[in-house]
Amino acid sequence: MRDSKSRLWRRCLLALPLVASFGVGGCISVKAPDKPIVIELNINIKQEVVYRLAADAGNTIGDNPDIF
């Protein structure tokens, strides 16, 4: 008798997630969005541009010292 009760409890515990998933099944939906996903990447390239301009300016001043 005791063995059959433990089997019954095991079966109930194993069936519980299955039964719970049926109840939640209608609440979960996966679908594509209507609008496209926009990812904004704020990348600061100012430092690289300033560095290149500073190097070019240094070369120009070095080549033409009488400009200034």
N, C-alpha and C. Protein backbone atom coordinates (compact mmCIF):
# COMPACT_ATOMS: atom_id res chain seq x y z
N MET A 1 0.82 -1.19 0.00
CA MET A 1 0.00 0.00 0.00
C MET A 1 0.87 1.26 0.00
N ARG A 2 1.90 1.22 0.82
CA ARG A 2 2.77 2.39 0.92
C ARG A 2 3.53 2.61 -0.37
N ASP A 3 3.92 1.52 -1.03
CA ASP A 3 4.65 1.62 -2.29
C ASP A 3 3.77 2.23 -3.38
N SER A 4 2.52 1.90 -3.42
CA SER A 4 1.62 2.45 -4.43
C SER A 4 1.38 3.95 -4.20
N LYS A 5 1.35 4.37 -2.92
CA LYS A 5 1.17 5.79 -2.64
C LYS A 5 2.39 6.59 -3.10
N SER A 6 3.58 6.06 -2.87
CA SER A 6 4.78 6.78 -3.30
C SER A 6 4.84 6.85 -4.83
N ARG A 7 4.40 5.80 -5.51
CA ARG A 7 4.37 5.84 -6.98
C ARG A 7 3.38 6.90 -7.46
N LEU A 8 2.24 6.96 -6.80
CA LEU A 8 1.23 7.94 -7.17
C LEU A 8 1.77 9.37 -6.99
N TRP A 9 2.46 9.61 -5.87
CA TRP A 9 3.04 10.94 -5.63
C TRP A 9 4.11 11.27 -6.66
N ARG A 10 4.91 10.29 -7.00
CA ARG A 10 5.94 10.52 -8.02
C ARG A 10 5.32 10.88 -9.36
N ARG A 11 4.29 10.16 -9.72
CA ARG A 11 3.61 10.44 -10.99
C ARG A 11 2.98 11.83 -10.96
N CYS A 12 2.39 12.19 -9.85
CA CYS A 12 1.79 13.52 -9.73
C CYS A 12 2.86 14.61 -9.84
N LEU A 13 3.99 14.39 -9.18
CA LEU A 13 5.06 15.38 -9.24
C LEU A 13 5.65 15.49 -10.64
N LEU A 14 5.72 14.37 -11.35
CA LEU A 14 6.23 14.41 -12.72
C LEU A 14 5.22 15.06 -13.67
N ALA A 15 3.94 14.88 -13.42
CA ALA A 15 2.92 15.43 -14.29
C ALA A 15 2.65 16.91 -14.00
N LEU A 16 3.02 17.40 -12.85
CA LEU A 16 2.73 18.77 -12.46
C LEU A 16 3.32 19.81 -13.43
N PRO A 17 4.59 19.71 -13.83
CA PRO A 17 5.11 20.70 -14.79
C PRO A 17 4.39 20.65 -16.14
N LEU A 18 3.98 19.46 -16.55
CA LEU A 18 3.27 19.32 -17.81
C LEU A 18 1.91 20.02 -17.74
N VAL A 19 1.19 19.81 -16.66
CA VAL A 19 -0.11 20.43 -16.48
C VAL A 19 0.05 21.95 -16.35
N ALA A 20 1.06 22.40 -15.65
CA ALA A 20 1.30 23.83 -15.48
C ALA A 20 1.66 24.48 -16.82
N SER A 21 2.37 23.78 -17.67
CA SER A 21 2.73 24.35 -18.97
C SER A 21 1.51 24.53 -19.86
N PHE A 22 0.50 23.67 -19.72
CA PHE A 22 -0.73 23.85 -20.48
C PHE A 22 -1.46 25.12 -20.05
N GLY A 23 -1.42 25.43 -18.78
CA GLY A 23 -2.08 26.63 -18.28
C GLY A 23 -1.39 27.90 -18.72
N VAL A 24 -0.08 27.87 -18.86
CA VAL A 24 0.69 29.05 -19.22
C VAL A 24 0.90 29.12 -20.73
N GLY A 25 0.63 28.07 -21.44
CA GLY A 25 0.90 27.98 -22.87
C GLY A 25 0.27 29.10 -23.68
N GLY A 26 -0.92 29.53 -23.34
CA GLY A 26 -1.57 30.60 -24.09
C GLY A 26 -1.02 31.97 -23.78
N CYS A 27 -0.31 32.14 -22.70
CA CYS A 27 0.21 33.44 -22.30
C CYS A 27 1.52 33.80 -22.99
N ILE A 28 2.24 32.83 -23.48
CA ILE A 28 3.55 33.06 -24.07
C ILE A 28 3.41 33.03 -25.59
N SER A 29 3.83 34.10 -26.23
CA SER A 29 3.81 34.12 -27.70
C SER A 29 5.10 34.76 -28.19
N VAL A 30 5.64 34.19 -29.25
CA VAL A 30 6.88 34.70 -29.85
C VAL A 30 6.55 35.08 -31.28
N LYS A 31 6.74 36.36 -31.61
CA LYS A 31 6.49 36.80 -32.97
C LYS A 31 7.46 37.93 -33.31
N ALA A 32 7.64 38.14 -34.60
CA ALA A 32 8.54 39.19 -35.06
C ALA A 32 7.90 40.56 -34.81
N PRO A 33 8.70 41.56 -34.48
CA PRO A 33 8.14 42.89 -34.24
C PRO A 33 7.65 43.52 -35.55
N ASP A 34 6.70 44.44 -35.44
CA ASP A 34 6.18 45.14 -36.62
C ASP A 34 7.20 46.12 -37.18
N LYS A 35 7.91 46.80 -36.31
CA LYS A 35 8.91 47.77 -36.74
C LYS A 35 10.30 47.14 -36.65
N PRO A 36 11.24 47.59 -37.48
CA PRO A 36 12.60 47.03 -37.39
C PRO A 36 13.26 47.40 -36.07
N ILE A 37 14.14 46.55 -35.62
CA ILE A 37 14.88 46.79 -34.39
C ILE A 37 16.01 47.77 -34.71
N VAL A 38 16.09 48.85 -33.95
CA VAL A 38 17.11 49.88 -34.17
C VAL A 38 18.12 49.79 -33.03
N ILE A 39 19.38 49.64 -33.41
CA ILE A 39 20.45 49.60 -32.42
C ILE A 39 21.33 50.82 -32.66
N GLU A 40 21.36 51.69 -31.70
CA GLU A 40 22.15 52.91 -31.83
C GLU A 40 23.54 52.68 -31.25
N LEU A 41 24.53 52.87 -32.09
CA LEU A 41 25.92 52.72 -31.66
C LEU A 41 26.56 54.09 -31.65
N ASN A 42 26.77 54.61 -30.48
CA ASN A 42 27.42 55.90 -30.35
C ASN A 42 28.92 55.68 -30.24
N ILE A 43 29.59 55.76 -31.37
CA ILE A 43 31.03 55.52 -31.40
C ILE A 43 31.72 56.87 -31.59
N ASN A 44 32.65 57.15 -30.73
CA ASN A 44 33.36 58.42 -30.79
C ASN A 44 34.61 58.26 -31.64
N ILE A 45 34.57 58.80 -32.86
CA ILE A 45 35.75 58.72 -33.74
C ILE A 45 36.46 60.07 -33.81
N LYS A 46 36.02 61.00 -32.99
CA LYS A 46 36.60 62.34 -33.00
C LYS A 46 38.08 62.31 -32.65
N GLN A 47 38.45 61.49 -31.71
CA GLN A 47 39.84 61.45 -31.26
C GLN A 47 40.76 60.99 -32.39
N GLU A 48 40.33 60.00 -33.15
CA GLU A 48 41.16 59.51 -34.25
C GLU A 48 41.29 60.57 -35.33
N VAL A 49 40.21 61.26 -35.66
CA VAL A 49 40.26 62.30 -36.68
C VAL A 49 41.15 63.45 -36.23
N VAL A 50 41.01 63.87 -34.98
CA VAL A 50 41.85 64.95 -34.46
C VAL A 50 43.31 64.53 -34.48
N TYR A 51 43.59 63.29 -34.15
CA TYR A 51 44.97 62.80 -34.15
C TYR A 51 45.55 62.84 -35.56
N ARG A 52 44.76 62.42 -36.54
CA ARG A 52 45.24 62.44 -37.92
C ARG A 52 45.47 63.88 -38.39
N LEU A 53 44.54 64.76 -38.05
CA LEU A 53 44.71 66.16 -38.44
C LEU A 53 45.92 66.78 -37.76
N ALA A 54 46.15 66.42 -36.51
CA ALA A 54 47.31 66.96 -35.78
C ALA A 54 48.60 66.47 -36.42
N ALA A 55 48.62 65.22 -36.85
CA ALA A 55 49.83 64.69 -37.49
C ALA A 55 50.04 65.36 -38.85
N ASP A 56 48.96 65.54 -39.61
CA ASP A 56 49.08 66.21 -40.91
C ASP A 56 49.52 67.66 -40.74
N ALA A 57 48.96 68.31 -39.74
CA ALA A 57 49.35 69.70 -39.49
C ALA A 57 50.81 69.78 -39.07
N GLY A 58 51.26 68.86 -38.25
CA GLY A 58 52.67 68.84 -37.85
C GLY A 58 53.59 68.62 -39.04
N ASN A 59 53.18 67.74 -39.95
CA ASN A 59 53.98 67.52 -41.16
C ASN A 59 54.00 68.75 -42.05
N THR A 60 52.86 69.41 -42.17
CA THR A 60 52.78 70.61 -43.01
C THR A 60 53.65 71.72 -42.44
N ILE A 61 53.60 71.92 -41.13
CA ILE A 61 54.40 72.96 -40.49
C ILE A 61 55.88 72.61 -40.62
N GLY A 62 56.17 71.31 -40.49
CA GLY A 62 57.58 70.90 -40.63
C GLY A 62 58.11 71.12 -42.03
N ASP A 63 57.24 70.89 -43.03
CA ASP A 63 57.65 71.09 -44.43
C ASP A 63 57.73 72.56 -44.81
N ASN A 64 56.86 73.39 -44.20
CA ASN A 64 56.80 74.82 -44.53
C ASN A 64 56.92 75.64 -43.25
N PRO A 65 58.09 75.80 -42.69
CA PRO A 65 58.22 76.54 -41.43
C PRO A 65 57.94 78.03 -41.55
N ASP A 66 57.98 78.57 -42.76
CA ASP A 66 57.78 80.02 -42.92
C ASP A 66 56.30 80.41 -43.06
N ILE A 67 55.35 79.43 -42.93
CA ILE A 67 53.92 79.75 -43.03
C ILE A 67 53.47 80.63 -41.88
N PHE A 68 53.96 80.32 -40.71
CA PHE A 68 53.49 81.05 -39.53
C PHE A 68 54.50 82.09 -39.16
